[in-house]
Amino acid sequence: METFSKLSSLLLRALETREPTVDLLESFVDNWKSITNYYIQTTDDSRPVRQTEIPWCLRQMLDILVYEEKQQVEDTGPCLEYLLQHKLLETLCTLGKAQYPPGMIQQVLLFFSKLLSQIQKPLLQLIAVYRPVQKLIGLCALPGSHTEKEEAQFLLVVCSRVKQDPHTLRYLLQVKVAASNHSKELLLPPSQSDSATDSPVQSESGLLSALLQLAQSQTASVCLKAFESLLLLSALQTESSGELLADHTQLGELLTGRLLQLYALLPLESLDAGELQSWPHTPWSSQFSHCRSDLSSKSSSSNQMNNFFSWLDFLDHLMREAPQVLAVKIAQCVHRFWLFDILQPQLLHTCEQVVLVSTSILCVAVRLVKSWSLLDQLVHFLLKTPPLPELLLQRCDHISDQISLASLCLVEELLQKPHRDILEVLVVTFLQSRSYLSAPAAGQEDTPLQSNQANEDSDDLEEDPFFSDSLLFSDSLPPPPLSSASSSAAPPSGLGSAADVVNSFLCLVPVQVRSAQLLQEGGFESYVHDAHTQVTQCESLSLSWDWPLSLPSSSGEGEEFFEGHLLKVLFDRLGRVLEQPYELNLRLTAVLSRLSAFNHPLLQEYLLDPYIHLSHCSRSLFSVLIRLMGELMQRVQLVSNLTDRLLNTRRDLLGLNHDIGLEHLTLLRGLVVLEEFCQELAAIAFVKLPKDQVVTPLDQQGLAWTSRDSPGPVVNPPDQQ
């Protein structure tokens, strides 16, 4: 190689001392004639091209073209004119296709790649260039090819030139032919898309299908270049380019076709749902940062999941970079061919394993997706495609704890996404009428009155010998409020003040069964920072959602209240915290905490205001917790050494102690979750108070201490007062 480079340099230096135009052209033509004479004179058909003068002659021609362009300021040089007028590129394509001499296609690909990358003048708009480029594209990614590296480099150069001159995209895609056949909706795998030379898929998607094929190569460098080429094409920001790719190619179908191929390889019957739900973010580029041998060391199912989620991440990344019209088209293809045609039948399947795995895969998909177009299609599929919304929410209370856990996980992931329809469809729509309020509370919001439901709860608690004030509250703490002073978003002063709201949740768990204070890290103050983070996240999500600042007028007088399928199943589950698995309780309380952290006035009132008047047969988060406390105090009477058992249970959950008995373990764990949940709700209520309001929450011993939320709430413990 060094010898050839030195000879080229010597030749060019020699040419510089003579008349450049005549001598350059003469040398260029001589090199071309040397190539053509080889075919006239040779009699050895098996001699490899590397053993001929053809590679050297092609390099000389390229060097001359590059040198000539540097000398020409504006006009096209005679050597380039000769190449174009005599259709040398067409001839080279023919020789490459014939593979004569053996290995000729590799030399042709190298010549085209260097010509397009080193010549600065726009070439792809010339018919003498883009026609042979089209033909050479058709020779790429064929079965049994041994020139994948050269093909990937050639296609990357082509896409890079299209990036520089987006209007040339239509030449490579032959849009006129494709447009007349675009009415055909085909979802062909990349291997089939080039099967017919005159088919619309071939004419409009030859470049795209070749890239999709190379993206499946076992060589990492080839895959990477194919991915980069697809991103270059998809990221063309001109309106015409986005419309071309969206309306006159099957890019969306091809990309989704690859997604379906990878999904079909997943062993649904043996995948672990827990592993799926916790699957980490798999950036599409990560597969190129380590050797293929590292991948092969993983289990087959892990490799298959890695490939699938990597491709999904690539599609998501591509849609974030693409023009909106193209991103929407690709997302619609994913919705139609994967979500609707494949996942929906699996979600409706009678086999629990299929339901569990498909739900878990959706959890990961929702978590990983960042592009608005794909997120919008996911939300539409999950929340607006009957009968899925009601079915998926009902499965949060499924007979199978695993399916319930996966369904709750899916809801939690949805609540993390920046899409207004999620909250609207799941919760806000059902609260809009405020028919959960009793008629007097709805009509006279300034008068504190007891609701029917609150009276019933209060009567039940008073009649319960295990739920007396002496057991539930310390002597210095008032019982939690069961009436309403106001239904407005901001708590009024006096009854129902900010401090009362926070203390209402802090006082819910009876003193005798509290255990948070037994560990140094426990207590309400440990949740304030996390609550501030969560509330801030929810605020940033909802900034653009144009939520009202105040509550709407109650329009549901006489109307029977239905909290919606989500809140119904969450409240039902919450009422069974003491008898459910620990992991399920954690997920349940996480969903309720997330809902409480949003600043919609209806959510604030219904979930975090203990003082609202509830209409007959209505329930709120606080009323469910009140009833749960009554059940709790009856159940704990059966547990001996309660304080020690609770402390050991906490240590076990923290990984500090494994010496616990199995008796009443579910109950004790449920009690720990319940106490932590009440403190978490108190912290969320505390953080959401007006920034200038001083709050005086009560500590575990009933001592008052003061804190101010500024700028992130910091709670001062009693010993600092």
Foldseek 3Di string as FASTA:
>chain_A
DVVLVVVLVVVVVVCVVDDNQVVLQVLLVVLVVLVVVCVVPDDDQADAPVPDCNLSSLVSNLVSLLVQLVVDDDDRGPSVVCCQVVLVLQVLLVCLVVCTNPPSVLSSLVSLLSNLVRRPDQDLVDPSNVVSVLSNLLVALDPPDPNLVSSLSSLLSVLVSCLVVVVSLCSNQVQVLQLVVLVDDDQDELVCQCVDCSDSSNSRCSSVSSLLSQCPDPDLVSVVSSLVSLLSQQLNADPVSLCCCQRRHVNLSHLLSVLVVLVVPAPLLPDDLVCLLPPDQQALCVVSVDHVVVLVVDDPNVSSVSVNNNSLNSLLVSLQNGHVSNSLSNLVSCLPVPVPVPLVCQCVDPDPSSVSSSLSNLLVSLQNHDRPNNNVSSCCSQQVDPPRVLSLLVQCVPPDPSSVLSSLSSLLSNLLDLDVVSCCRAFCVQCQQVLQFAPCCLVPFQDKDAAPLLVVLVVVQCVQPLRDCVFQAPPLDDAQDQAARGLKLAQDPDVQHLQSLLQNLLSLATLVQDAQVVDPCGFLLNQQQVLLVLLVSLCVSCVPVPADPIHDRNDQHVHDGDRGSNVVSLLVVLLCLQPDDLSSLVSSLSSLLNLCSHSRSSSSRQARRSHGHGHPPRDGNSSSSSVSNSVLSVVCVPPPPSNVQLNQLVCVVVVNHDPHDPPSSSNSSSSNSSSVSSSNSSSNSVQPHPQPDKHWHATSVRDTDIWGPPPRTHDDDPVVD
